[in-house]
Amino acid sequence: MFDILYTVAAFLLAISLLVAVHEFGHFWVARRLGVKILRFSIGFGKPLWKKTFGEDQTEFVIASLPLGGYVKMLDGREAEVPEAEAHRAFDRQSLRTRFAIVFAGPAFNFIFAIVAYWMMFVVGVQGVAPIIGEVKEGTPASRAGLASGQQILAIDGKPTPIWDVALEALLPAMVDRGSVKLTLKNTDGSSFTTELNLMQTTQDLEPGKLFDILGFVPWREELKSIVGRVVDDSAAAKAGLQEKDKIIGIDDHVITNWMDLVEVVSARPDQDMLLRIIRDGREMDIPVHSMSAEQDGKQVGKLGIGPFVSDANRVLYRYDFLAALKHGWNKCWSNAGLTLKMLGKIVSGEVSVKNLSGPLNIAVYAGQSANAGLARFLDFLAIVSISLGILNLLPVPVLDGGHLMFYMIEAIKGSPVSEQTELIGQQIGIAALILLMSLALYNDFVRLLN
């Protein structure tokens, strides 16, 4: 229950923050250009909190449905405007002013992403060195000469200190079915460069299947049955288990690694068992009664412990103040370009629609990233902010991009499009968004079920 509440809280925090950033872009530019703001709302529906501020008595609102927000401006198309304030109405502004106000929302999402990435690089990202595990025969990886134990030092000349950076460099080639140059270090310390060619791959690019396309898996250290963490008020804590205890047996089962431990405990929910451990060089027995938890529709046993993980291949990936800003800028536009390319290939059918994600999947990642630390949560916020910026710039009526499209038509023809045209466009836009959201939610449910 706590995990669910934590995930929901992280999701609401992330969405509310990113919506606030987007709407503040509209608000700030409109105020700077002299347009009167009537309401600034985070969320839709019934107000949960409302207060007025400033000379214009602008209403600031937090509403009950957090999936969005809006800035309501003085506008003669919505209500009669007093002549004394007509010059402050949005619909009376020049084309350039209206364009700037609408464009400001997505622009602030990109600015936020750059700042988030900058902060992430300053704080530092804790990651794992990109060491190759098992390589499958007949795959791009085996044809390129990749072998278990090799470390990827660089991709197309760009250093890859952790897996996050390596995958980020590999993904464009996977999307384009292209090739990349890998610089690898062998287990004996020697290095060489090879070409990883993905032109002949035919598998669909889907979440969770990237390594299937490449033909290898990341190397994973075999986890020993050593306790690295004891959860408060758990079965293990009540039994007196401590960090660094090595579990070598459970009743008549010999335990040699963490997977053995998980297999035995999972099969025995809500049961007494006797743990044989080594503590400070001495063997001893500890009785424990396992907890019971639901997993994949069945009851499994839990002790409330986590494994000890070696720091041997863990790397802190960070930059100084100015270098972090440069890398934040580059990462924002690199990810924006990749997102646009992915959207284009989804529309053309070259990439599976299974890559679309909805609010459920975003909520899961929000909880996971928040639990993984500040740097990971900043990375998540930046990615979603970029996606929101791009989504809102799509030329779909009811989105910012739809309004900008109408303004460009107005600039070409010399007069605004008719209200009837805007109305029809909005109806088409709403239908398109409902279809897109339905598909994204379907993908979310499929991922959760799997």
Foldseek 3Di string as FASTA:
>chain_A
DVLVVLLVVLLLVLLQVLQLLLQVQLVVLLVVVQAAWAEWEQADDAFPDWAFDDPSRHIYTYHDGRNHIHIDTAACVVDNDPPVCPVNHLVPDDLVSNLSSLLRSLVSLLVLLLVLLLVLQAVWDKAFFQFWACFDPPALCVVQPDDGGKTFQDKQPHGDRHVVSVCLSCVVCQLVQAKIKTWIAHPVGDIDITIRGRNPFDDFDAPPCPCVRSGTDGDDDFFFQFFQFADPPFQCVVQPDDGRKGWQDKAPGGGGGVVSVQVVQFVAAQAKIWTWTADPNDTDIIITGWHWDDDLRDITTDGRTDTDDDCPRMDTRHDHNVVSSVVSSVVSVSLLVVVVSQVVCCVVVNHPPLRAAASLVLSVLSSVQVVVDSSSNSNSSSNVSSVVSVVLLPCQQVGSVVVSVQSVVCVVVVHGDDPVVSVVRNVVRVVVVVVSNVSNVVSSVVVVND
